[in-house]
């Protein structure tokens, strides 16, 4: 994707901004004289690297209350993709935000997932990681408030889209996963969540 395909987010502090689902903004790396923080106020988003070499590599997922230091990201900046309706703001870094941030923590967890030997284990662990961090418990399932494409799942677990589709189809047929096209959510059965190959 070329830089012209993105909406740019200004570097100075701005009033809260709203974005509809599936819109993306580019955090421009050009004005990094002062460290800033992106704070998610409502919704869920994916932060990824816009570099051609990394092909949109996912760095983190953020939800309401998460703060991300924008000066520690890729030299080409970073993109924020709204997975749900999103409201966020940009502010100066406070003195207490000098340690580990959301990208570091997510990167660690995604590396743990990628380290598992089989694609099925990696996809299973990824779904549980996402639902534990970004989802909610319902009476009969765990639910993510968004859906990811099979291609995105493949990118996150180091597998092809075909492999991801095959695994998700198998779990759908076993009533372990449901991906609603009506409300664009993903539901996981308690059995799938409780049998995760990793604990988060």
Foldseek 3Di string as FASTA:
>chain_A
DDPVQAAEDDPAWDDKDKDAAFHKYFDALPPPPFKKKKAWQAAKKWKFDPDPVLPTQTQAMDGHGFIDTQNPDDNRTIMIGGQHTTIIIMGGDDPVPPDDGRSNVRVVQLVVLLPDDDLLLSLLQVVLVCQVVAWDDDPFWIKHQADDQLCVSCSSNVHHSVVSVVSVVVCVVVVQWDQDPPRRMITGGPVSNVPRPDDD
